[in-house]
C-alpha atoms as a PDB file:
ATOM      1  CA  MET A   1     -36.199 -32.360 -14.793  1.00  0.00           C
ATOM      2  CA  ALA A   2     -39.029 -34.243 -13.507  1.00  0.00           C
ATOM      3  CA  TYR A   3     -41.258 -31.274 -14.723  1.00  0.00           C
ATOM      4  CA  ILE A   4     -40.002 -31.508 -18.427  1.00  0.00           C
ATOM      5  CA  ALA A   5     -39.984 -35.224 -18.211  1.00  0.00           C
ATOM      6  CA  LYS A   6     -43.811 -35.179 -16.975  1.00  0.00           C
ATOM      7  CA  ARG A   7     -44.626 -32.535 -19.852  1.00  0.00           C
ATOM      8  CA  THR A   8     -42.864 -34.725 -22.266  1.00  0.00           C
ATOM      9  CA  VAL A   9     -44.615 -37.434 -21.322  1.00  0.00           C
ATOM     10  CA  SER A  10     -47.915 -35.670 -21.341  1.00  0.00           C
ATOM     11  CA  ARG A  11     -47.512 -34.187 -24.694  1.00  0.00           C
ATOM     12  CA  PHE A  12     -46.615 -37.458 -25.915  1.00  0.00           C
ATOM     13  CA  ILE A  13     -49.689 -39.123 -25.024  1.00  0.00           C
ATOM     14  CA  THR A  14     -51.855 -36.196 -26.283  1.00  0.00           C
ATOM     15  CA  PHE A  15     -50.161 -36.563 -29.526  1.00  0.00           C
ATOM     16  CA  ILE A  16     -51.119 -40.146 -29.641  1.00  0.00           C
ATOM     17  CA  VAL A  17     -54.733 -39.753 -28.481  1.00  0.00           C
ATOM     18  CA  VAL A  18     -55.228 -36.595 -31.122  1.00  0.00           C
ATOM     19  CA  ILE A  19     -53.708 -39.119 -33.813  1.00  0.00           C
ATOM     20  CA  SER A  20     -55.748 -42.029 -32.827  1.00  0.00           C
ATOM     21  CA  LEU A  21     -58.854 -39.921 -32.898  1.00  0.00           C
ATOM     22  CA  LEU A  22     -58.223 -38.674 -36.345  1.00  0.00           C
ATOM     23  CA  PHE A  23     -57.550 -42.169 -37.666  1.00  0.00           C
ATOM     24  CA  PHE A  24     -60.604 -43.649 -35.942  1.00  0.00           C
ATOM     25  CA  LEU A  25     -63.164 -40.760 -36.978  1.00  0.00           C
ATOM     26  CA  ALA A  26     -61.869 -40.980 -40.405  1.00  0.00           C
ATOM     27  CA  ARG A  27     -62.410 -44.619 -40.552  1.00  0.00           C
ATOM     28  CA  SER A  28     -65.935 -44.309 -39.050  1.00  0.00           C
ATOM     29  CA  ALA A  29     -67.181 -42.004 -41.599  1.00  0.00           C
ATOM     30  CA  GLY A  30     -68.721 -45.256 -43.226  1.00  0.00           C
ATOM     31  CA  THR A  31     -67.816 -44.282 -46.740  1.00  0.00           C
ATOM     32  CA  ASP A  32     -64.962 -46.077 -49.023  1.00  0.00           C
ATOM     33  CA  PRO A  33     -61.619 -43.879 -48.792  1.00  0.00           C
ATOM     34  CA  PHE A  34     -61.540 -44.356 -52.569  1.00  0.00           C
ATOM     35  CA  ALA A  35     -65.440 -43.138 -53.314  1.00  0.00           C
ATOM     36  CA  ARG A  36     -64.413 -39.460 -53.716  1.00  0.00           C
ATOM     37  CA  TYR A  37     -61.292 -40.778 -56.202  1.00  0.00           C
ATOM     38  CA  LEU A  38     -64.142 -43.276 -58.107  1.00  0.00           C
ATOM     39  CA  SER A  39     -66.659 -40.683 -58.383  1.00  0.00           C
ATOM     40  CA  GLU A  40     -64.246 -38.689 -60.474  1.00  0.00           C
ATOM     41  CA  ASP A  41     -64.308 -41.667 -63.313  1.00  0.00           C
ATOM     42  CA  PRO A  42     -66.641 -44.175 -62.563  1.00  0.00           C
ATOM     43  CA  ARG A  43     -65.010 -46.483 -65.664  1.00  0.00           C
ATOM     44  CA  ILE A  44     -62.116 -47.442 -63.502  1.00  0.00           C
ATOM     45  CA  PRO A  45     -62.004 -51.241 -63.112  1.00  0.00           C
ATOM     46  CA  LEU A  46     -62.420 -53.161 -60.104  1.00  0.00           C
ATOM     47  CA  GLU A  47     -59.196 -54.739 -60.294  1.00  0.00           C
ATOM     48  CA  GLN A  48     -57.646 -51.319 -60.323  1.00  0.00           C
ATOM     49  CA  ILE A  49     -59.545 -50.263 -56.972  1.00  0.00           C
ATOM     50  CA  GLN A  50     -58.540 -53.736 -55.385  1.00  0.00           C
ATOM     51  CA  ARG A  51     -54.660 -52.983 -56.360  1.00  0.00           C
ATOM     52  CA  LEU A  52     -55.171 -49.480 -54.540  1.00  0.00           C
ATOM     53  CA  ARG A  53     -56.560 -50.961 -51.569  1.00  0.00           C
ATOM     54  CA  VAL A  54     -53.717 -53.292 -51.253  1.00  0.00           C
ATOM     55  CA  ARG A  55     -51.234 -50.570 -52.049  1.00  0.00           C
ATOM     56  CA  PHE A  56     -52.570 -48.495 -49.375  1.00  0.00           C
ATOM     57  CA  GLY A  57     -53.219 -51.036 -46.818  1.00  0.00           C
ATOM     58  CA  LEU A  58     -57.040 -50.717 -46.826  1.00  0.00           C
ATOM     59  CA  ASP A  59     -57.309 -54.909 -47.175  1.00  0.00           C
ATOM     60  CA  LYS A  60     -55.545 -55.309 -43.507  1.00  0.00           C
ATOM     61  CA  PRO A  61     -57.677 -55.597 -40.558  1.00  0.00           C
ATOM     62  CA  LEU A  62     -58.201 -52.410 -38.594  1.00  0.00           C
ATOM     63  CA  HIS A  63     -55.999 -52.545 -35.974  1.00  0.00           C
ATOM     64  CA  ILE A  64     -53.185 -53.339 -38.369  1.00  0.00           C
ATOM     65  CA  GLN A  65     -53.936 -50.198 -40.287  1.00  0.00           C
ATOM     66  CA  TYR A  66     -54.188 -48.307 -37.186  1.00  0.00           C
ATOM     67  CA  LEU A  67     -50.457 -49.423 -36.274  1.00  0.00           C
ATOM     68  CA  ASP A  68     -49.039 -48.895 -39.744  1.00  0.00           C
ATOM     69  CA  PHE A  69     -50.775 -44.995 -39.601  1.00  0.00           C
ATOM     70  CA  LEU A  70     -49.147 -44.694 -36.316  1.00  0.00           C
ATOM     71  CA  ARG A  71     -45.863 -45.921 -37.161  1.00  0.00           C
ATOM     72  CA  ASN A  72     -45.640 -43.965 -40.186  1.00  0.00           C
ATOM     73  CA  THR A  73     -46.941 -40.739 -38.661  1.00  0.00           C
ATOM     74  CA  LEU A  74     -44.114 -40.948 -36.096  1.00  0.00           C
ATOM     75  CA  SER A  75     -41.569 -41.734 -38.895  1.00  0.00           C
ATOM     76  CA  GLY A  76     -42.421 -38.754 -40.938  1.00  0.00           C
ATOM     77  CA  GLU A  77     -44.152 -40.670 -43.840  1.00  0.00           C
ATOM     78  CA  PHE A  78     -47.490 -39.128 -44.492  1.00  0.00           C
ATOM     79  CA  GLY A  79     -48.145 -41.236 -47.649  1.00  0.00           C
ATOM     80  CA  TYR A  80     -49.627 -40.551 -50.899  1.00  0.00           C
ATOM     81  CA  SER A  81     -52.077 -37.872 -52.222  1.00  0.00           C
ATOM     82  CA  LEU A  82     -54.424 -38.899 -54.625  1.00  0.00           C
ATOM     83  CA  TYR A  83     -55.388 -35.801 -55.436  1.00  0.00           C
ATOM     84  CA  TYR A  84     -52.024 -34.253 -56.216  1.00  0.00           C
ATOM     85  CA  LYS A  85     -50.504 -37.676 -57.323  1.00  0.00           C
ATOM     86  CA  ARG A  86     -47.392 -36.964 -55.372  1.00  0.00           C
ATOM     87  CA  PRO A  87     -46.173 -38.103 -52.096  1.00  0.00           C
ATOM     88  CA  VAL A  88     -47.492 -35.693 -49.113  1.00  0.00           C
ATOM     89  CA  PHE A  89     -44.295 -35.054 -47.669  1.00  0.00           C
ATOM     90  CA  ASP A  90     -43.330 -33.285 -50.849  1.00  0.00           C
ATOM     91  CA  ILE A  91     -46.145 -31.178 -50.993  1.00  0.00           C
ATOM     92  CA  VAL A  92     -45.946 -30.070 -47.287  1.00  0.00           C
ATOM     93  CA  MET A  93     -42.003 -29.054 -48.103  1.00  0.00           C
ATOM     94  CA  GLU A  94     -42.709 -27.356 -51.080  1.00  0.00           C
ATOM     95  CA  ARG A  95     -45.313 -24.888 -49.227  1.00  0.00           C
ATOM     96  CA  LEU A  96     -43.334 -24.711 -45.949  1.00  0.00           C
ATOM     97  CA  PRO A  97     -41.217 -21.585 -46.829  1.00  0.00           C
ATOM     98  CA  TYR A  98     -43.961 -19.582 -47.727  1.00  0.00           C
ATOM     99  CA  THR A  99     -45.846 -20.490 -44.363  1.00  0.00           C
ATOM    100  CA  LEU A 100     -42.435 -19.756 -42.343  1.00  0.00           C
ATOM    101  CA  PHE A 101     -42.429 -16.251 -44.186  1.00  0.00           C
ATOM    102  CA  LEU A 102     -46.199 -15.505 -43.267  1.00  0.00           C
ATOM    103  CA  LEU A 103     -45.478 -16.809 -39.593  1.00  0.00           C
ATOM    104  CA  GLY A 104     -42.402 -14.691 -39.381  1.00  0.00           C
ATOM    105  CA  ILE A 105     -44.359 -11.698 -40.569  1.00  0.00           C
ATOM    106  CA  SER A 106     -47.417 -12.094 -38.166  1.00  0.00           C
ATOM    107  CA  ILE A 107     -45.121 -12.467 -35.302  1.00  0.00           C
ATOM    108  CA  THR A 108     -43.198  -9.410 -35.959  1.00  0.00           C
ATOM    109  CA  VAL A 109     -46.203  -7.209 -36.682  1.00  0.00           C
ATOM    110  CA  SER A 110     -48.000  -8.347 -33.610  1.00  0.00           C
ATOM    111  CA  THR A 111     -44.913  -8.075 -31.301  1.00  0.00           C
ATOM    112  CA  ILE A 112     -44.332  -4.504 -32.667  1.00  0.00           C
ATOM    113  CA  LEU A 113     -47.897  -3.761 -32.439  1.00  0.00           C
ATOM    114  CA  SER A 114     -48.452  -5.110 -29.030  1.00  0.00           C
ATOM    115  CA  TYR A 115     -45.241  -3.164 -27.574  1.00  0.00           C
ATOM    116  CA  VAL A 116     -46.558  -0.224 -29.090  1.00  0.00           C
ATOM    117  CA  LEU A 117     -50.249  -0.024 -27.926  1.00  0.00           C
ATOM    118  CA  GLY A 118     -48.808  -1.390 -24.314  1.00  0.00           C
ATOM    119  CA  ILE A 119     -46.701   1.498 -24.202  1.00  0.00           C
ATOM    120  CA  TYR A 120     -49.421   3.851 -25.650  1.00  0.00           C
ATOM    121  CA  PHE A 121     -51.846   2.574 -22.884  1.00  0.00           C
ATOM    122  CA  ALA A 122     -49.656   2.839 -20.491  1.00  0.00           C
ATOM    123  CA  TYR A 123     -49.097   6.413 -21.197  1.00  0.00           C
ATOM    124  CA  LYS A 124     -52.832   7.068 -21.245  1.00  0.00           C
ATOM    125  CA  ARG A 125     -53.710   5.523 -18.100  1.00  0.00           C
ATOM    126  CA  GLY A 126     -56.874   5.827 -16.348  1.00  0.00           C
ATOM    127  CA  THR A 127     -58.396   7.487 -19.568  1.00  0.00           C
ATOM    128  CA  ARG A 128     -61.088   6.523 -21.814  1.00  0.00           C
ATOM    129  CA  ILE A 129     -58.773   5.255 -24.560  1.00  0.00           C
ATOM    130  CA  ASP A 130     -57.046   3.126 -22.053  1.00  0.00           C
ATOM    131  CA  SER A 131     -60.563   1.649 -20.960  1.00  0.00           C
ATOM    132  CA  TRP A 132     -61.546   1.131 -24.628  1.00  0.00           C
ATOM    133  CA  GLY A 133     -58.330  -0.231 -25.933  1.00  0.00           C
ATOM    134  CA  THR A 134     -57.995  -2.756 -22.959  1.00  0.00           C
ATOM    135  CA  ASN A 135     -61.653  -3.751 -23.688  1.00  0.00           C
ATOM    136  CA  ILE A 136     -61.042  -4.307 -27.276  1.00  0.00           C
ATOM    137  CA  CYS A 137     -57.866  -6.421 -26.620  1.00  0.00           C
ATOM    138  CA  MET A 138     -59.740  -8.300 -24.295  1.00  0.00           C
ATOM    139  CA  PHE A 139     -62.294  -8.950 -26.632  1.00  0.00           C
ATOM    140  CA  ILE A 140     -59.969  -9.856 -29.152  1.00  0.00           C
ATOM    141  CA  ARG A 141     -57.893 -11.961 -26.873  1.00  0.00           C
ATOM    142  CA  SER A 142     -60.940 -14.082 -25.731  1.00  0.00           C
ATOM    143  CA  THR A 143     -62.427 -14.824 -29.331  1.00  0.00           C
ATOM    144  CA  PRO A 144     -61.699 -17.933 -30.769  1.00  0.00           C
ATOM    145  CA  HIS A 145     -59.151 -17.451 -33.493  1.00  0.00           C
ATOM    146  CA  PHE A 146     -61.066 -19.330 -36.535  1.00  0.00           C
ATOM    147  CA  TRP A 147     -64.004 -17.121 -35.468  1.00  0.00           C
ATOM    148  CA  LEU A 148     -61.683 -14.088 -35.605  1.00  0.00           C
ATOM    149  CA  GLY A 149     -59.840 -15.007 -39.073  1.00  0.00           C
ATOM    150  CA  MET A 150     -63.438 -15.437 -40.650  1.00  0.00           C
ATOM    151  CA  ILE A 151     -64.591 -12.132 -39.411  1.00  0.00           C
ATOM    152  CA  LEU A 152     -60.854 -10.439 -40.576  1.00  0.00           C
ATOM    153  CA  LEU A 153     -61.295 -12.158 -43.887  1.00  0.00           C
ATOM    154  CA  LEU A 154     -64.723 -10.615 -44.532  1.00  0.00           C
ATOM    155  CA  VAL A 155     -63.839  -7.073 -43.507  1.00  0.00           C
ATOM    156  CA  PHE A 156     -60.418  -7.183 -45.237  1.00  0.00           C
ATOM    157  CA  ALA A 157     -60.939  -9.226 -48.024  1.00  0.00           C
ATOM    158  CA  TYR A 158     -63.775  -7.095 -50.056  1.00  0.00           C
END
C-alpha cells in the first residue's frame, strides 16, 4: 500500500511540474497570446482586444493566472479555442473515438506481430534470422518514437 501511495504522489508531483513548465514556457515566449489572433484581422478594435484579455484572465497578475490555469486543468476545464471557436473539451471529445479506435488497432496489431515474431525467433534460435531479427527489434525499440514515426511516414506515405 505504501508503494502505491508513493507512486501516486510521485506521479501527481510530476504532473504538476509538467503543467507548470508548460504554463511558464508559454508565458515566457514574450509575445502577446492574441498576437496571432490579431494578425488575421488587424481591424479589430482595441476595446475588443481588452475584452478578450479580461475574458481569458490575461489582465490578472501572473501568479493568479497560474493558479486559475492549474485549477481549470485539474477540474477538466480546458478553455476555449480561438481557432475553432468552441470549447476545447468538445473538440477533444469529438476526436476521442477515432483516437481510441486507432489505439485499439495499433495495440492489437503490435501484440499479434510481437507474439508471432517471438515464437518464430524462438523456433529459429541461434540462426542468422534470429540474430538479424533480434538486432532489428532492438534497434526499433531503442529508437525514439517521434523519429521512428517520421521515418515510417516517409516510407509508407509516399
